[in-house]
C-alpha atoms as a PDB file:
ATOM      1  CA  MET A   1      34.237   4.851  11.335  1.00  0.00           C
ATOM      2  CA  ARG A   2      32.185   7.965  10.280  1.00  0.00           C
ATOM      3  CA  VAL A   3      31.226  10.471  13.419  1.00  0.00           C
ATOM      4  CA  LYS A   4      27.693  10.442  12.138  1.00  0.00           C
ATOM      5  CA  ASN A   5      27.356   6.957  12.745  1.00  0.00           C
ATOM      6  CA  LEU A   6      28.308   6.623  16.222  1.00  0.00           C
ATOM      7  CA  PRO A   7      24.976   7.395  17.951  1.00  0.00           C
ATOM      8  CA  TRP A   8      23.988   3.831  16.392  1.00  0.00           C
ATOM      9  CA  ILE A   9      26.505   2.229  17.957  1.00  0.00           C
ATOM     10  CA  PRO A  10      24.975   2.740  21.568  1.00  0.00           C
ATOM     11  CA  PHE A  11      21.605   2.426  20.019  1.00  0.00           C
ATOM     12  CA  ALA A  12      22.221  -0.898  18.477  1.00  0.00           C
ATOM     13  CA  PHE A  13      24.010  -2.320  21.237  1.00  0.00           C
ATOM     14  CA  PHE A  14      21.347  -1.355  23.664  1.00  0.00           C
ATOM     15  CA  ALA A  15      18.199  -2.734  21.396  1.00  0.00           C
ATOM     16  CA  ILE A  16      20.372  -6.079  20.878  1.00  0.00           C
ATOM     17  CA  VAL A  17      21.256  -6.641  24.540  1.00  0.00           C
ATOM     18  CA  ILE A  18      17.533  -5.799  26.206  1.00  0.00           C
ATOM     19  CA  GLY A  19      16.434  -7.844  22.952  1.00  0.00           C
ATOM     20  CA  LEU A  20      18.115 -10.756  24.304  1.00  0.00           C
ATOM     21  CA  TYR A  21      17.100 -10.424  27.546  1.00  0.00           C
ATOM     22  CA  PRO A  22      13.924 -12.649  27.122  1.00  0.00           C
ATOM     23  CA  LEU A  23      15.828 -15.613  26.761  1.00  0.00           C
ATOM     24  CA  THR A  24      16.623 -15.578  30.584  1.00  0.00           C
ATOM     25  CA  TYR A  25      13.359 -16.298  31.641  1.00  0.00           C
ATOM     26  CA  TYR A  26      13.727 -19.345  29.955  1.00  0.00           C
ATOM     27  CA  LEU A  27      17.071 -20.554  30.871  1.00  0.00           C
ATOM     28  CA  LEU A  28      16.428 -19.145  34.981  1.00  0.00           C
ATOM     29  CA  ASN A  29      14.003 -20.030  37.660  1.00  0.00           C
ATOM     30  CA  THR A  30      11.175 -17.804  36.368  1.00  0.00           C
ATOM     31  CA  ASP A  31       9.539 -17.793  39.785  1.00  0.00           C
ATOM     32  CA  HIS A  32      12.028 -15.706  41.430  1.00  0.00           C
ATOM     33  CA  PHE A  33      13.511 -13.563  38.519  1.00  0.00           C
ATOM     34  CA  GLY A  34      12.767 -10.132  36.891  1.00  0.00           C
ATOM     35  CA  LEU A  35       9.203  -9.161  37.934  1.00  0.00           C
ATOM     36  CA  PHE A  36       8.123 -11.870  39.120  1.00  0.00           C
ATOM     37  CA  HIS A  37       8.936 -11.756  42.637  1.00  0.00           C
ATOM     38  CA  GLN A  38       6.824  -8.421  42.529  1.00  0.00           C
ATOM     39  CA  LYS A  39       3.599 -10.030  41.315  1.00  0.00           C
ATOM     40  CA  PRO A  40       1.130 -12.722  43.201  1.00  0.00           C
ATOM     41  CA  ILE A  41       2.214 -15.990  42.966  1.00  0.00           C
ATOM     42  CA  GLN A  42      -1.374 -16.749  41.721  1.00  0.00           C
ATOM     43  CA  LEU A  43      -1.305 -14.489  38.783  1.00  0.00           C
ATOM     44  CA  VAL A  44       2.767 -15.595  38.028  1.00  0.00           C
ATOM     45  CA  ARG A  45       0.969 -19.387  37.507  1.00  0.00           C
ATOM     46  CA  ASN A  46      -2.082 -18.233  35.661  1.00  0.00           C
ATOM     47  CA  PHE A  47      -1.661 -19.922  32.300  1.00  0.00           C
ATOM     48  CA  TYR A  48      -3.433 -17.085  30.374  1.00  0.00           C
ATOM     49  CA  TRP A  49      -1.320 -14.380  31.914  1.00  0.00           C
ATOM     50  CA  HIS A  50       1.865 -16.557  31.662  1.00  0.00           C
ATOM     51  CA  THR A  51       1.259 -17.331  28.125  1.00  0.00           C
ATOM     52  CA  ALA A  52       0.401 -13.876  27.189  1.00  0.00           C
ATOM     53  CA  PHE A  53       3.505 -12.713  29.205  1.00  0.00           C
ATOM     54  CA  TYR A  54       5.830 -14.788  27.342  1.00  0.00           C
ATOM     55  CA  ILE A  55       4.083 -13.883  23.940  1.00  0.00           C
ATOM     56  CA  HIS A  56       5.225 -10.248  24.699  1.00  0.00           C
ATOM     57  CA  ILE A  57       8.545 -10.847  25.768  1.00  0.00           C
ATOM     58  CA  THR A  58       9.410 -13.094  22.879  1.00  0.00           C
ATOM     59  CA  PHE A  59       8.219 -11.003  19.963  1.00  0.00           C
ATOM     60  CA  GLY A  60       8.866  -7.998  21.732  1.00  0.00           C
ATOM     61  CA  GLY A  61      12.669  -9.292  22.015  1.00  0.00           C
ATOM     62  CA  ILE A  62      12.188  -9.993  18.157  1.00  0.00           C
ATOM     63  CA  ALA A  63      10.539  -6.531  17.470  1.00  0.00           C
ATOM     64  CA  LEU A  64      13.941  -4.975  19.220  1.00  0.00           C
ATOM     65  CA  LEU A  65      16.688  -7.229  17.692  1.00  0.00           C
ATOM     66  CA  THR A  66      14.986  -6.746  13.934  1.00  0.00           C
ATOM     67  CA  GLY A  67      13.710  -3.298  14.086  1.00  0.00           C
ATOM     68  CA  TRP A  68      16.728  -1.170  14.433  1.00  0.00           C
ATOM     69  CA  THR A  69      18.489  -2.531  11.277  1.00  0.00           C
ATOM     70  CA  GLN A  70      15.406  -1.102   9.549  1.00  0.00           C
ATOM     71  CA  PHE A  71      16.276   2.447  10.031  1.00  0.00           C
ATOM     72  CA  SER A  72      20.083   1.979   7.632  1.00  0.00           C
ATOM     73  CA  GLN A  73      19.003   3.934   4.451  1.00  0.00           C
ATOM     74  CA  ARG A  74      22.232   2.409   2.811  1.00  0.00           C
ATOM     75  CA  LEU A  75      20.598  -1.185   3.724  1.00  0.00           C
ATOM     76  CA  ARG A  76      17.090  -0.284   2.677  1.00  0.00           C
ATOM     77  CA  TYR A  77      18.483   0.909  -0.495  1.00  0.00           C
ATOM     78  CA  LYS A  78      20.581  -1.902  -1.831  1.00  0.00           C
ATOM     79  CA  TYR A  79      18.576  -4.820  -0.181  1.00  0.00           C
ATOM     80  CA  ILE A  80      15.334  -4.133  -0.754  1.00  0.00           C
ATOM     81  CA  ASN A  81      14.016  -7.647  -0.364  1.00  0.00           C
ATOM     82  CA  ALA A  82      16.008  -8.271   2.804  1.00  0.00           C
ATOM     83  CA  HIS A  83      14.703  -4.627   3.992  1.00  0.00           C
ATOM     84  CA  ARG A  84      10.629  -6.206   3.000  1.00  0.00           C
ATOM     85  CA  PHE A  85      11.722  -9.786   4.704  1.00  0.00           C
ATOM     86  CA  VAL A  86      12.703  -8.190   7.649  1.00  0.00           C
ATOM     87  CA  GLY A  87       9.793  -5.901   8.092  1.00  0.00           C
ATOM     88  CA  LYS A  88       7.406  -8.543   7.998  1.00  0.00           C
ATOM     89  CA  ILE A  89       8.993 -10.400  10.753  1.00  0.00           C
ATOM     90  CA  TYR A  90       9.056  -7.427  12.635  1.00  0.00           C
ATOM     91  CA  VAL A  91       5.325  -6.017  11.875  1.00  0.00           C
ATOM     92  CA  ILE A  92       4.137  -9.563  13.341  1.00  0.00           C
ATOM     93  CA  ALA A  93       6.000  -9.705  15.970  1.00  0.00           C
ATOM     94  CA  VAL A  94       5.107  -6.143  17.043  1.00  0.00           C
ATOM     95  CA  MET A  95       1.117  -7.109  16.343  1.00  0.00           C
ATOM     96  CA  LEU A  96       1.795 -10.181  18.691  1.00  0.00           C
ATOM     97  CA  SER A  97       3.723  -8.678  21.214  1.00  0.00           C
ATOM     98  CA  SER A  98       1.285  -5.596  21.592  1.00  0.00           C
ATOM     99  CA  VAL A  99      -1.980  -7.575  21.623  1.00  0.00           C
ATOM    100  CA  ALA A 100      -0.356  -9.735  24.702  1.00  0.00           C
ATOM    101  CA  ALA A 101       0.867  -6.334  26.243  1.00  0.00           C
ATOM    102  CA  LEU A 102      -2.561  -5.175  26.511  1.00  0.00           C
ATOM    103  CA  PHE A 103      -3.660  -7.787  28.161  1.00  0.00           C
ATOM    104  CA  ILE A 104      -1.065  -7.947  30.890  1.00  0.00           C
ATOM    105  CA  ALA A 105      -1.115  -4.151  31.605  1.00  0.00           C
ATOM    106  CA  VAL A 106      -4.762  -4.882  32.895  1.00  0.00           C
ATOM    107  CA  PHE A 107      -2.799  -6.878  36.003  1.00  0.00           C
ATOM    108  CA  ALA A 108       0.619  -4.458  36.154  1.00  0.00           C
ATOM    109  CA  ILE A 109       1.927  -3.567  39.456  1.00  0.00           C
ATOM    110  CA  GLY A 110       0.842  -0.330  41.283  1.00  0.00           C
ATOM    111  CA  GLY A 111      -2.811  -0.048  40.108  1.00  0.00           C
ATOM    112  CA  ILE A 112      -4.679   2.662  37.740  1.00  0.00           C
ATOM    113  CA  ILE A 113      -1.520   4.429  37.297  1.00  0.00           C
ATOM    114  CA  THR A 114       0.563   1.496  35.457  1.00  0.00           C
ATOM    115  CA  THR A 115      -2.180  -0.005  34.004  1.00  0.00           C
ATOM    116  CA  THR A 116      -2.960   2.634  32.471  1.00  0.00           C
ATOM    117  CA  GLY A 117       0.343   3.834  30.988  1.00  0.00           C
ATOM    118  CA  PHE A 118       1.007   0.480  29.614  1.00  0.00           C
ATOM    119  CA  GLY A 119      -2.012  -0.111  28.593  1.00  0.00           C
ATOM    120  CA  VAL A 120      -2.368   2.766  25.958  1.00  0.00           C
ATOM    121  CA  LEU A 121       1.615   1.937  25.303  1.00  0.00           C
ATOM    122  CA  ALA A 122       0.131  -1.193  23.519  1.00  0.00           C
ATOM    123  CA  ILE A 123      -2.371   0.331  21.882  1.00  0.00           C
ATOM    124  CA  LEU A 124      -0.662   3.071  20.425  1.00  0.00           C
ATOM    125  CA  TRP A 125       2.463   0.102  19.926  1.00  0.00           C
ATOM    126  CA  PHE A 126      -0.307  -1.682  17.436  1.00  0.00           C
ATOM    127  CA  PHE A 127      -1.957   1.364  15.799  1.00  0.00           C
ATOM    128  CA  THR A 128       1.138   2.522  14.862  1.00  0.00           C
ATOM    129  CA  ILE A 129       2.570  -0.826  13.384  1.00  0.00           C
ATOM    130  CA  SER A 130      -0.994  -1.058  11.871  1.00  0.00           C
ATOM    131  CA  LYS A 131      -0.612   2.610  10.242  1.00  0.00           C
ATOM    132  CA  ALA A 132       2.815   1.791   8.870  1.00  0.00           C
ATOM    133  CA  TYR A 133       1.871  -1.575   7.557  1.00  0.00           C
ATOM    134  CA  THR A 134      -1.247   0.421   5.606  1.00  0.00           C
ATOM    135  CA  SER A 135       0.965   3.115   4.227  1.00  0.00           C
ATOM    136  CA  ILE A 136       3.529   0.881   2.428  1.00  0.00           C
ATOM    137  CA  LEU A 137       0.878  -1.210   1.009  1.00  0.00           C
ATOM    138  CA  LYS A 138      -0.729   1.820  -0.526  1.00  0.00           C
ATOM    139  CA  GLY A 139       3.022   3.017  -1.644  1.00  0.00           C
ATOM    140  CA  ASN A 140       3.231   5.772   0.164  1.00  0.00           C
ATOM    141  CA  ILE A 141       6.843   5.416   1.548  1.00  0.00           C
ATOM    142  CA  ILE A 142       7.179   8.607   3.687  1.00  0.00           C
ATOM    143  CA  GLN A 143       3.993   8.250   5.566  1.00  0.00           C
ATOM    144  CA  HIS A 144       5.285   4.631   6.277  1.00  0.00           C
ATOM    145  CA  GLU A 145       8.809   5.469   7.276  1.00  0.00           C
ATOM    146  CA  ASN A 146       7.416   8.137   9.555  1.00  0.00           C
ATOM    147  CA  TRP A 147       4.849   5.644  11.323  1.00  0.00           C
ATOM    148  CA  MET A 148       7.657   3.266  11.817  1.00  0.00           C
ATOM    149  CA  VAL A 149       9.959   6.145  13.728  1.00  0.00           C
ATOM    150  CA  ARG A 150       7.006   6.357  15.580  1.00  0.00           C
ATOM    151  CA  ASN A 151       6.409   2.261  16.498  1.00  0.00           C
ATOM    152  CA  TYR A 152      10.188   2.037  16.901  1.00  0.00           C
ATOM    153  CA  ALA A 153      10.131   4.929  19.424  1.00  0.00           C
ATOM    154  CA  LEU A 154       7.369   2.695  21.453  1.00  0.00           C
ATOM    155  CA  THR A 155       9.289  -0.629  21.072  1.00  0.00           C
ATOM    156  CA  PHE A 156      12.480   1.249  22.368  1.00  0.00           C
ATOM    157  CA  SER A 157      10.851   1.764  25.841  1.00  0.00           C
ATOM    158  CA  ALA A 158      11.963  -1.750  26.502  1.00  0.00           C
ATOM    159  CA  VAL A 159      15.460  -0.174  26.858  1.00  0.00           C
ATOM    160  CA  THR A 160      14.482   3.080  28.085  1.00  0.00           C
ATOM    161  CA  LEU A 161      12.135   1.691  30.854  1.00  0.00           C
ATOM    162  CA  ARG A 162      15.396  -0.480  31.928  1.00  0.00           C
ATOM    163  CA  ILE A 163      17.353   2.245  32.128  1.00  0.00           C
ATOM    164  CA  TRP A 164      14.916   4.757  34.031  1.00  0.00           C
ATOM    165  CA  MET A 165      13.610   1.743  37.164  1.00  0.00           C
ATOM    166  CA  PRO A 166      17.240   1.630  38.300  1.00  0.00           C
ATOM    167  CA  ALA A 167      18.151   5.210  38.273  1.00  0.00           C
ATOM    168  CA  PHE A 168      14.915   5.759  40.024  1.00  0.00           C
ATOM    169  CA  GLN A 169      15.365   3.023  42.699  1.00  0.00           C
ATOM    170  CA  LEU A 170      19.151   3.033  43.296  1.00  0.00           C
ATOM    171  CA  ILE A 171      20.354   6.670  42.116  1.00  0.00           C
ATOM    172  CA  ALA A 172      17.279   8.767  43.836  1.00  0.00           C
ATOM    173  CA  HIS A 173      16.180   5.848  46.178  1.00  0.00           C
ATOM    174  CA  TRP A 174      12.797   5.710  45.136  1.00  0.00           C
ATOM    175  CA  ASP A 175      10.486   2.645  46.084  1.00  0.00           C
ATOM    176  CA  PHE A 176       9.704  -0.190  43.805  1.00  0.00           C
ATOM    177  CA  ILE A 177       5.782   1.114  43.167  1.00  0.00           C
ATOM    178  CA  THR A 178       6.914   4.932  43.093  1.00  0.00           C
ATOM    179  CA  ALA A 179       9.599   4.190  40.370  1.00  0.00           C
ATOM    180  CA  TYR A 180       7.384   1.580  38.620  1.00  0.00           C
ATOM    181  CA  HIS A 181       4.199   4.239  38.225  1.00  0.00           C
ATOM    182  CA  ILE A 182       6.202   7.324  37.036  1.00  0.00           C
ATOM    183  CA  VAL A 183       8.210   4.623  34.518  1.00  0.00           C
ATOM    184  CA  SER A 184       5.185   3.275  33.167  1.00  0.00           C
ATOM    185  CA  TRP A 185       4.899   6.816  31.263  1.00  0.00           C
ATOM    186  CA  LEU A 186       8.539   8.165  31.437  1.00  0.00           C
ATOM    187  CA  CYS A 187       9.396   5.165  29.505  1.00  0.00           C
ATOM    188  CA  TRP A 188       7.720   5.751  26.228  1.00  0.00           C
ATOM    189  CA  VAL A 189       6.404   9.284  26.121  1.00  0.00           C
ATOM    190  CA  PRO A 190       9.663  10.835  25.621  1.00  0.00           C
ATOM    191  CA  ASN A 191      10.780   8.689  23.325  1.00  0.00           C
ATOM    192  CA  LEU A 192       7.704   9.543  20.798  1.00  0.00           C
ATOM    193  CA  ILE A 193       8.610  13.517  21.289  1.00  0.00           C
ATOM    194  CA  ILE A 194      12.259  12.780  20.305  1.00  0.00           C
ATOM    195  CA  ALA A 195      10.829  10.774  17.430  1.00  0.00           C
ATOM    196  CA  GLU A 196       8.434  13.880  16.555  1.00  0.00           C
ATOM    197  CA  ILE A 197      11.590  15.903  16.658  1.00  0.00           C
ATOM    198  CA  MET A 198      13.667  13.761  14.423  1.00  0.00           C
ATOM    199  CA  MET A 199      10.807  13.436  11.766  1.00  0.00           C
ATOM    200  CA  GLY A 200      10.493  17.175  11.783  1.00  0.00           C
ATOM    201  CA  ARG A 201      14.267  18.027  11.360  1.00  0.00           C
ATOM    202  CA  ASN A 202      14.442  15.254   8.394  1.00  0.00           C
ATOM    203  CA  LYS A 203      11.616  17.029   6.788  1.00  0.00           C
ATOM    204  CA  ASN A 204      14.535  19.765   5.584  1.00  0.00           C
ATOM    205  CA  VAL A 205      16.909  16.812   4.199  1.00  0.00           C
ATOM    206  CA  PRO A 206      16.661  16.497   0.554  1.00  0.00           C
ATOM    207  CA  LEU A 207      15.326  12.779  -0.354  1.00  0.00           C
ATOM    208  CA  LYS A 208      16.031  10.613  -3.310  1.00  0.00           C
ATOM    209  CA  ILE A 209      13.520  11.100  -4.946  1.00  0.00           C
ATOM    210  CA  SER A 210      14.397   8.888  -8.563  1.00  0.00           C
ATOM    211  CA  PHE A 211      14.215   6.048  -5.408  1.00  0.00           C
ATOM    212  CA  LEU A 212      11.170   6.810  -4.052  1.00  0.00           C
ATOM    213  CA  LYS A 213       9.389   7.211  -7.254  1.00  0.00           C
ATOM    214  CA  SER A 214      11.007   3.617  -8.599  1.00  0.00           C
ATOM    215  CA  ARG A 215      10.190   2.170  -5.372  1.00  0.00           C
ATOM    216  CA  GLN A 216       6.422   3.342  -5.350  1.00  0.00           C
ATOM    217  CA  SER A 217       5.986   1.820  -8.737  1.00  0.00           C
ATOM    218  CA  SER A 218       7.051  -1.394  -7.665  1.00  0.00           C
ATOM    219  CA  LEU A 219       4.801  -1.462  -4.619  1.00  0.00           C
ATOM    220  CA  LYS A 220       1.184  -0.519  -6.960  1.00  0.00           C
ATOM    221  CA  ASN A 221       2.404  -3.024  -8.997  1.00  0.00           C
ATOM    222  CA  ASN A 222       3.364  -5.877  -6.089  1.00  0.00           C
ATOM    223  CA  CYS A 223       1.128  -5.070  -2.863  1.00  0.00           C
ATOM    224  CA  ASP A 224       3.918  -7.333  -0.953  1.00  0.00           C
ATOM    225  CA  PHE A 225       5.507  -5.474   1.769  1.00  0.00           C
END
């Protein structure tokens, strides 16, 4: 195993574990599980909120499970058709989950601070996946990859949220609302900053020009993502 691949192990591990986490909502008594016990029972049993919530966690989980595999250069270069197929699943999953997330953000615990934090996250999540999709349709692979990095940084907020919340509550002994106010922003803003830093460093890495040119030519002849 190469040393440079080691950081991908915890990255993939958390993506898979949290990606499968929504299954617990289908298997357990949901009225007393997760965030449900923090919300008014009238909201939890509201048809529209309940539907949006399950759309959000289901397709958000699919996005986490499929998205991290898209960052392997070896897989992208060797299995282009598989990359495109998984990419389509990821795009659809993010679009559905982000729209649902914007709806449920309106009812987030903690008022305007958490509503704004999660609402902006949902908007940026939809915007970045839209940019990633339109970029690849135009054959601009570099822009596509950059927008995908930004988008998955936002997708990964599902992981960082579940790291920060117990850290603040169990270690710092903050109450739930105070922690939730901070985490509604902290779960995604640092992710985006790290993504921008990573992309800045990658500008100095030589690109596989011949591969990019051949793939751009293929995309121009076939606008199938």
